[in-house]
Amino acid sequence: MSNEAVIIDVVRTPSGRGKPNGALAGMHPADLLAGVLAELVRRNDLDPALVDDVIGGCVTQAGEQGYNVTRTALLSAGFPESVPGTTIDRQCGSSQQAASFAAQGVIAGSYDIVIACGVESMSRVPLGSSLRAGQDPSGRLLHERYPSGLVGQGVSAELITRRWGLTRTELDEYAARSHLLAADAIGRGDFDRALVPVRLPDGSTVTTDETVRPGTTAAGLAALPPAFRTDALAARFPDLEWHTTAGNSSPLTDGASAVLIMSAARAAELGCTPRARFDSFAVTGSDPLLMLTGVIPATRRILARSGLDLDDLDAYEVNEAFACVPLVWARELGADPARLNPAGGAIALGHALGSSGTRLLGTLLGTLERTGGRFGLQTMCEGGGMANATIIERL
């Protein structure tokens, strides 16, 4: 159909460690995003003046990521001033939601050409830095609804681990698997098509993901201490065993990514070859205390909406915010482990919050193209108890 939303291309930066000495820590986030936007239109020989809108995701919209970083980035990329841009926050799923909004705009007939993208520099704009010390984002009414108090995502991971009876060994084995699969994917060149080298201010260039550790083993991860246990939390949750560590969680990451989306009719007019089409979308809220479990109802909702069964899907990208998330998702859905994050996930490839949605989309598309698969699912848990799900069909 003429308003079918198709994917023309997906690009991303390498994943940089979110530390002061990380490869991308010296890059302004607007410049990171500008680089992928400029490359996306360059490699597709697209006049950027034809882009109807640029929709970006970013979680910590403060400091260098404030003041609508998407608009700043597209101007920095040399796009005409006539091209608008907006920045949205659906926590970790921000750029996945950006892609959904972009595709839905095409399907509705509001857009012909639109870019969805995302960025996060966790080195320069740390998570939570949008709040001043002592500030509480929750007002009186939310505290009244949840009088026992909400928790951070790390504690949520511990609560999920306890509820589903996951062991520390299971978490560490899954984390080691993520690094092994990502290293194998890099060795095969799976990410080469999507990767955009980043030129640093000192003139050097970053070309590879620095978050992947090929030699990671479960035995080595077993030596790491719990990452989120404090005396106060241990007193509040005395029955938690505290299995979540820096090793079986996604690392702090810097990065940007972008996807070029068109109507099928406009792509044909321009001679662009679609790589995939958007099949269906879903988003759902979930328990904000167990905020990482939203991927389960989101998956069930999108399967019901699409008319597909899990067996119809050739690959699933379930964001590895913590190892417990894909493990619990797979257990509840009865998923095939071989189709789950087959190129590694965020534990190895990093989780540059606002960028992760469109980064996962590119990884999923690449897997379908490499394996000859037809349908793929992407789903991501989000802070506050939400999740997005997207199904694409390779063309």
Protein backbone atom coordinates (compact mmCIF):
# COMPACT_ATOMS: atom_id res chain seq x y z
CA MET A 1 0.00 0.00 0.00
CA SER A 2 1.21 3.52 -0.70
CA ASN A 3 1.43 4.53 2.96
CA GLU A 4 3.28 1.41 4.04
CA ALA A 5 6.20 2.48 6.25
CA VAL A 6 9.50 1.01 5.10
CA ILE A 7 13.05 1.06 6.45
CA ILE A 8 15.64 2.28 3.97
CA ASP A 9 18.72 2.28 6.19
CA VAL A 10 19.92 2.18 9.81
CA VAL A 11 23.24 3.55 11.07
CA ARG A 12 24.94 3.90 14.44
CA THR A 13 28.14 4.99 16.09
CA PRO A 14 30.37 2.46 17.79
CA SER A 15 29.46 1.94 21.44
CA GLY A 16 31.74 3.92 23.71
CA ARG A 17 32.36 3.11 27.36
CA GLY A 18 30.61 5.65 29.53
CA LYS A 19 33.63 6.66 31.54
CA PRO A 20 35.93 9.69 31.52
CA ASN A 21 38.43 7.69 29.44
CA GLY A 22 35.83 6.13 27.14
CA ALA A 23 36.42 6.48 23.42
CA LEU A 24 33.45 8.83 22.86
CA ALA A 25 33.51 10.66 26.19
CA GLY A 26 35.08 13.71 24.57
CA MET A 27 32.28 14.10 22.02
CA HIS A 28 29.40 16.49 22.56
CA PRO A 29 26.16 14.46 22.27
CA ALA A 30 24.76 16.80 19.60
CA ASP A 31 27.88 16.17 17.52
CA LEU A 32 27.53 12.39 18.00
CA LEU A 33 23.98 12.50 16.70
CA ALA A 34 24.88 14.94 13.92
CA GLY A 35 27.43 12.46 12.61
CA VAL A 36 24.93 9.65 12.10
CA LEU A 37 22.30 12.00 10.63
CA ALA A 38 24.76 13.38 8.09
CA GLU A 39 25.97 9.89 7.15
CA LEU A 40 22.42 8.55 6.81
CA VAL A 41 21.49 11.08 4.12
CA ARG A 42 24.94 10.97 2.48
CA ARG A 43 25.07 7.22 1.95
CA ASN A 44 21.50 7.18 0.63
CA ASP A 45 22.09 10.14 -1.69
CA LEU A 46 19.10 11.90 -0.12
CA ASP A 47 18.54 15.64 -0.22
CA PRO A 48 17.94 16.41 3.50
CA ALA A 49 15.50 19.15 2.48
CA LEU A 50 13.08 16.32 1.63
CA VAL A 51 12.94 15.09 5.23
CA ASP A 52 9.58 15.97 6.75
CA ASP A 53 10.69 15.57 10.38
CA VAL A 54 13.43 14.19 12.61
CA ILE A 55 12.19 12.49 15.78
CA GLY A 56 14.87 11.74 18.35
CA GLY A 57 15.03 9.92 21.65
CA CYS A 58 17.07 11.04 24.64
CA VAL A 59 16.53 10.18 28.30
CA THR A 60 18.52 12.77 30.24
CA GLN A 61 17.46 15.96 28.50
CA ALA A 62 19.60 18.34 30.51
CA GLY A 63 22.84 20.22 30.05
CA GLU A 64 24.44 19.35 26.73
CA GLN A 65 21.43 17.14 25.91
CA GLY A 66 18.90 19.83 26.74
CA TYR A 67 17.09 22.37 24.59
CA ASN A 68 15.86 19.81 22.01
CA VAL A 69 19.13 18.02 21.21
CA THR A 70 17.57 16.53 18.05
CA ARG A 71 17.04 19.96 16.48
CA THR A 72 20.54 21.00 17.53
CA ALA A 73 21.99 17.86 15.97
CA LEU A 74 20.21 18.16 12.62
CA LEU A 75 21.36 21.76 12.26
CA SER A 76 24.87 20.65 13.22
CA ALA A 77 24.63 17.98 10.50
CA GLY A 78 24.02 20.69 7.90
CA PHE A 79 20.33 19.97 7.32
CA PRO A 80 18.35 22.93 5.97
CA GLU A 81 16.79 25.16 8.59
CA SER A 82 13.38 24.16 7.20
CA VAL A 83 13.73 20.62 8.59
CA PRO A 84 12.11 20.36 12.05
CA GLY A 85 13.11 18.08 14.88
CA THR A 86 11.75 17.01 18.24
CA THR A 87 13.10 15.04 21.19
CA ILE A 88 11.02 12.55 23.18
CA ASP A 89 11.53 10.58 26.38
CA ARG A 90 10.11 7.14 26.91
CA GLN A 91 13.08 6.25 29.04
CA CYS A 92 15.19 3.39 27.62
CA GLY A 93 12.74 2.94 24.73
CA SER A 94 12.92 6.57 23.61
CA SER A 95 14.29 6.00 20.11
CA GLN A 96 12.21 2.86 19.64
CA GLN A 97 9.21 5.06 20.34
CA ALA A 98 10.65 7.65 17.96
CA ALA A 99 10.73 5.01 15.23
CA SER A 100 7.15 3.99 16.03
CA PHE A 101 5.93 7.59 15.90
CA ALA A 102 7.82 8.12 12.63
CA ALA A 103 6.41 4.99 10.99
CA GLN A 104 2.91 5.70 12.28
CA GLY A 105 3.17 9.20 10.79
CA VAL A 106 4.00 7.67 7.42
CA ILE A 107 1.12 5.19 7.68
CA ALA A 108 -1.25 8.02 8.60
CA GLY A 109 -0.13 10.01 5.57
CA SER A 110 1.47 12.81 7.60
CA TYR A 111 5.02 12.04 6.47
CA ASP A 112 6.68 10.82 3.28
CA ILE A 113 10.24 10.80 4.61
CA VAL A 114 11.17 10.90 8.28
CA ILE A 115 14.23 10.06 10.36
CA ALA A 116 13.99 8.44 13.78
CA CYS A 117 17.11 8.60 15.90
CA GLY A 118 18.51 8.75 19.41
CA VAL A 119 21.53 9.78 21.43
CA GLU A 120 22.90 9.50 24.93
CA SER A 121 26.26 10.53 26.33
CA MET A 122 26.23 8.91 29.75
CA SER A 123 29.79 10.17 30.26
CA ARG A 124 28.92 13.83 29.87
CA VAL A 125 25.28 13.85 31.01
CA PRO A 126 24.97 11.15 33.69
CA LEU A 127 21.64 9.45 34.28
CA GLY A 128 19.70 11.43 36.88
CA SER A 129 21.66 14.64 36.39
CA SER A 130 18.49 16.45 35.32
CA LEU A 131 17.55 16.58 39.03
CA ARG A 132 19.27 18.80 41.53
CA ALA A 133 20.38 17.24 44.79
CA GLY A 134 17.42 16.60 47.07
CA GLN A 135 14.80 16.94 44.34
CA ASP A 136 12.12 14.26 44.06
CA PRO A 137 10.42 13.75 40.67
CA SER A 138 7.42 12.19 42.45
CA GLY A 139 4.79 14.42 43.99
CA ARG A 140 2.52 13.79 46.97
CA LEU A 141 -0.10 11.89 45.00
CA LEU A 142 2.33 9.30 43.67
CA HIS A 143 3.73 8.75 47.16
CA GLU A 144 0.18 8.23 48.40
CA ARG A 145 -0.46 5.63 45.70
CA TYR A 146 2.80 3.79 46.45
CA PRO A 147 3.35 4.41 50.17
CA SER A 148 6.09 1.79 50.45
CA GLY A 149 8.09 3.71 47.86
CA LEU A 150 9.40 2.92 44.39
CA VAL A 151 12.92 1.74 43.62
CA GLY A 152 15.63 2.18 41.03
CA GLN A 153 16.06 -0.21 38.13
CA GLY A 154 18.90 -2.11 39.76
CA VAL A 155 16.74 -2.99 42.74
CA SER A 156 13.90 -3.84 40.37
CA ALA A 157 16.27 -6.31 38.70
CA GLU A 158 16.94 -7.89 42.09
CA LEU A 159 13.22 -8.17 42.86
CA ILE A 160 12.62 -9.84 39.50
CA THR A 161 15.54 -12.21 40.03
CA ARG A 162 14.05 -13.25 43.37
CA ARG A 163 10.48 -13.63 42.08
CA TRP A 164 11.50 -15.86 39.16
CA GLY A 165 14.11 -17.77 41.16
CA LEU A 166 17.06 -16.93 38.93
CA THR A 167 20.49 -17.83 40.26
CA ARG A 168 23.67 -15.77 40.11
CA THR A 169 25.15 -18.45 37.85
CA GLU A 170 22.29 -18.12 35.37
CA LEU A 171 22.74 -14.35 35.21
CA ASP A 172 26.51 -14.56 34.75
CA GLU A 173 26.26 -17.31 32.13
CA TYR A 174 23.80 -15.24 30.15
CA ALA A 175 26.07 -12.17 30.39
CA ALA A 176 29.07 -14.16 29.16
CA ARG A 177 26.92 -15.43 26.26
CA SER A 178 26.15 -11.84 25.27
CA HIS A 179 29.85 -10.99 24.95
CA LEU A 180 30.63 -14.22 23.08
CA LEU A 181 27.82 -13.70 20.55
CA ALA A 182 28.69 -10.02 20.06
CA ALA A 183 32.36 -10.89 19.50
CA ASP A 184 31.32 -13.53 16.95
CA ALA A 185 29.08 -10.99 15.20
CA ILE A 186 31.94 -8.50 15.02
CA GLY A 187 34.20 -11.19 13.63
CA ARG A 188 31.68 -11.96 10.88
CA GLY A 189 31.35 -8.27 10.04
CA ASP A 190 27.67 -8.22 10.99
CA PHE A 191 27.77 -4.58 12.13
CA ASP A 192 30.01 -3.18 9.41
CA ARG A 193 27.13 -1.91 7.25
CA ALA A 194 25.59 0.06 10.10
CA LEU A 195 28.68 1.42 11.83
CA VAL A 196 29.60 5.06 11.26
CA PRO A 197 33.17 5.94 12.32
CA VAL A 198 33.39 8.84 14.75
CA ARG A 199 36.13 11.41 14.24
CA LEU A 200 37.26 12.77 17.59
CA PRO A 201 38.34 16.34 18.34
CA ASP A 202 41.99 15.22 18.44
CA GLY A 203 41.74 13.90 14.87
CA SER A 204 41.67 10.20 15.74
CA THR A 205 38.79 7.97 14.65
CA VAL A 206 36.71 5.43 16.59
CA THR A 207 35.60 2.55 14.39
CA THR A 208 34.74 -0.36 16.71
CA ASP A 209 32.60 -1.07 19.77
CA GLU A 210 34.69 -0.81 22.93
CA THR A 211 32.12 -2.32 25.30
CA VAL A 212 32.50 -5.89 23.99
CA ARG A 213 34.88 -8.11 26.01
CA PRO A 214 35.46 -11.31 23.99
CA GLY A 215 37.20 -13.19 26.80
CA THR A 216 34.36 -12.81 29.31
CA THR A 217 33.47 -15.99 31.20
CA ALA A 218 30.84 -16.78 33.80
CA ALA A 219 33.61 -17.79 36.19
CA GLY A 220 35.26 -14.40 35.82
CA LEU A 221 31.98 -12.56 36.32
CA ALA A 222 31.29 -14.55 39.48
CA ALA A 223 33.97 -12.58 41.30
CA LEU A 224 32.18 -9.23 40.89
CA PRO A 225 30.32 -7.78 43.90
CA PRO A 226 26.64 -6.75 43.85
CA ALA A 227 26.25 -3.37 42.20
CA PHE A 228 23.13 -2.03 43.89
CA ARG A 229 23.18 -3.28 47.48
CA THR A 230 23.40 -0.63 50.18
CA ASP A 231 22.89 -1.04 53.91
CA ALA A 232 19.61 0.88 53.70
CA LEU A 233 18.29 -1.25 50.83
CA ALA A 234 19.44 -4.45 52.51
CA ALA A 235 17.43 -3.46 55.59
CA ARG A 236 14.39 -2.65 53.43
CA PHE A 237 14.63 -5.92 51.46
CA PRO A 238 16.17 -8.39 53.90
CA ASP A 239 15.37 -11.47 51.80
CA LEU A 240 17.16 -10.32 48.63
CA GLU A 241 20.33 -12.23 47.76
CA TRP A 242 21.75 -9.40 45.59
CA HIS A 243 22.86 -11.14 42.40
CA THR A 244 22.95 -8.16 40.01
CA THR A 245 26.46 -6.91 39.26
CA ALA A 246 28.20 -4.60 36.80
CA GLY A 247 29.02 -7.73 34.81
CA ASN A 248 25.47 -8.98 34.27
CA SER A 249 24.06 -5.49 33.67
CA SER A 250 24.39 -3.22 30.65
CA PRO A 251 27.34 -0.81 30.97
CA LEU A 252 27.22 2.97 30.97
CA THR A 253 27.52 3.83 27.28
CA ASP A 254 27.86 6.73 24.85
CA GLY A 255 26.40 6.51 21.35
CA ALA A 256 23.93 7.60 18.69
CA SER A 257 21.91 5.87 15.99
CA ALA A 258 19.37 6.72 13.29
CA VAL A 259 16.95 5.06 10.86
CA LEU A 260 15.64 6.41 7.55
CA ILE A 261 11.92 5.69 7.12
CA MET A 262 9.80 6.40 4.04
CA SER A 263 6.45 5.56 2.58
CA ALA A 264 6.76 2.72 0.07
CA ALA A 265 5.45 5.03 -2.65
CA ARG A 266 8.02 7.75 -1.95
CA ALA A 267 10.83 5.20 -1.80
CA ALA A 268 9.81 3.95 -5.24
CA GLU A 269 9.75 7.50 -6.62
CA LEU A 270 13.27 8.14 -5.34
CA GLY A 271 14.63 4.77 -6.42
CA CYS A 272 15.39 3.73 -2.84
CA THR A 273 15.28 0.01 -2.05
CA PRO A 274 13.42 -0.78 1.19
CA ARG A 275 15.13 -3.29 3.45
CA ALA A 276 12.11 -3.96 5.69
CA ARG A 277 8.64 -2.73 6.55
CA PHE A 278 7.01 -2.02 9.87
CA ASP A 279 4.41 -4.68 10.56
CA SER A 280 2.97 -3.72 13.95
CA PHE A 281 3.52 -1.73 17.15
CA ALA A 282 2.59 -1.99 20.81
CA VAL A 283 3.32 -0.12 24.00
CA THR A 284 2.16 -0.90 27.50
CA GLY A 285 2.53 0.14 31.10
CA SER A 286 3.51 -2.28 33.84
CA ASP A 287 4.17 -2.46 37.58
CA PRO A 288 6.59 0.41 38.33
CA LEU A 289 8.19 -1.60 41.13
CA LEU A 290 8.91 -4.51 38.77
CA MET A 291 9.46 -2.00 35.98
CA LEU A 292 11.55 -4.31 33.81
CA THR A 293 8.82 -6.89 33.18
CA GLY A 294 6.77 -4.78 30.76
CA VAL A 295 8.39 -6.61 27.85
CA ILE A 296 6.18 -9.61 28.65
CA PRO A 297 2.74 -7.97 28.27
CA ALA A 298 4.06 -5.80 25.42
CA THR A 299 5.06 -8.92 23.50
CA ARG A 300 1.73 -10.60 24.15
CA ARG A 301 -0.08 -7.48 23.00
CA ILE A 302 1.84 -7.11 19.75
CA LEU A 303 1.46 -10.80 18.90
CA ALA A 304 -2.28 -10.53 19.37
CA ARG A 305 -2.36 -7.34 17.29
CA SER A 306 -0.23 -8.72 14.46
CA GLY A 307 -1.86 -12.14 14.27
CA LEU A 308 1.57 -13.77 14.47
CA ASP A 309 2.77 -16.43 16.90
CA LEU A 310 6.17 -16.41 18.54
CA ASP A 311 7.11 -19.32 16.27
CA ASP A 312 6.51 -17.05 13.26
CA LEU A 313 9.33 -14.77 14.41
CA ASP A 314 12.83 -15.55 13.18
CA ALA A 315 14.66 -13.35 15.70
CA TYR A 316 13.89 -11.43 18.87
CA GLU A 317 15.81 -8.47 20.26
CA VAL A 318 14.96 -8.11 23.95
CA ASN A 319 17.04 -5.31 25.42
CA GLU A 320 19.56 -6.54 27.95
CA ALA A 321 19.26 -3.77 30.51
CA PHE A 322 19.99 -6.55 32.99
CA ALA A 323 20.45 -10.27 32.36
CA CYS A 324 17.26 -11.06 34.25
CA VAL A 325 15.10 -9.27 31.64
CA PRO A 326 15.63 -11.54 28.59
CA LEU A 327 15.82 -14.61 30.84
CA VAL A 328 12.42 -13.95 32.43
CA TRP A 329 10.94 -12.88 29.09
CA ALA A 330 12.06 -16.11 27.42
CA ARG A 331 10.77 -18.23 30.30
CA GLU A 332 7.33 -16.58 30.33
CA LEU A 333 6.90 -16.66 26.54
CA GLY A 334 8.47 -20.07 25.94
CA ALA A 335 10.87 -18.49 23.44
CA ASP A 336 13.58 -20.27 21.48
CA PRO A 337 16.91 -19.30 23.12
CA ALA A 338 18.72 -19.55 19.78
CA ARG A 339 16.61 -16.71 18.33
CA LEU A 340 17.09 -14.45 21.36
CA ASN A 341 19.64 -11.65 20.85
CA PRO A 342 21.73 -13.83 18.50
CA ALA A 343 24.27 -11.05 17.86
CA GLY A 344 24.69 -10.29 21.54
CA GLY A 345 22.83 -7.60 23.43
CA ALA A 346 23.26 -4.49 25.52
CA ILE A 347 25.33 -6.28 28.18
CA ALA A 348 28.07 -6.49 25.53
CA LEU A 349 27.10 -3.86 22.95
CA GLY A 350 26.16 -1.19 25.45
CA HIS A 351 23.00 0.68 26.33
CA ALA A 352 23.30 4.32 25.34
CA LEU A 353 19.78 4.90 26.66
CA GLY A 354 18.21 7.27 24.14
CA SER A 355 20.05 5.60 21.25
CA SER A 356 19.31 1.99 22.13
CA GLY A 357 15.94 1.66 20.40
CA THR A 358 17.17 2.48 16.92
CA ARG A 359 20.43 0.62 17.61
CA LEU A 360 18.44 -2.54 18.38
CA LEU A 361 16.34 -2.01 15.27
CA GLY A 362 19.49 -2.04 13.17
CA THR A 363 20.82 -5.15 14.91
CA LEU A 364 17.50 -6.94 14.35
CA LEU A 365 17.40 -5.99 10.67
CA GLY A 366 20.97 -7.13 10.22
CA THR A 367 20.20 -10.51 11.78
CA LEU A 368 17.18 -11.05 9.52
CA GLU A 369 19.25 -10.18 6.47
CA ARG A 370 22.13 -12.44 7.50
CA THR A 371 19.92 -15.44 8.26
CA GLY A 372 17.25 -14.94 5.61
CA GLY A 373 14.59 -14.56 8.29
CA ARG A 374 11.31 -12.81 7.57
CA PHE A 375 9.81 -11.44 10.81
CA GLY A 376 11.63 -9.99 13.81
CA LEU A 377 10.52 -8.64 17.18
CA GLN A 378 12.11 -5.85 19.16
CA THR A 379 11.02 -5.10 22.73
CA MET A 380 12.49 -2.97 25.48
CA CYS A 381 11.72 -2.42 29.15
CA GLU A 382 11.54 1.20 30.31
CA GLY A 383 11.87 3.16 33.52
CA GLY A 384 8.67 3.79 35.43
CA GLY A 385 7.15 0.50 34.29
CA MET A 386 6.57 0.55 30.51
CA ALA A 387 7.68 -1.34 27.41
CA ASN A 388 7.61 -0.94 23.64
CA ALA A 389 7.34 -3.72 21.09
CA THR A 390 7.84 -3.56 17.33
CA ILE A 391 7.62 -6.24 14.63
CA ILE A 392 9.33 -5.72 11.30
CA GLU A 393 9.25 -7.80 8.12
CA ARG A 394 12.37 -8.11 6.00
CA LEU A 395 11.78 -7.33 2.33
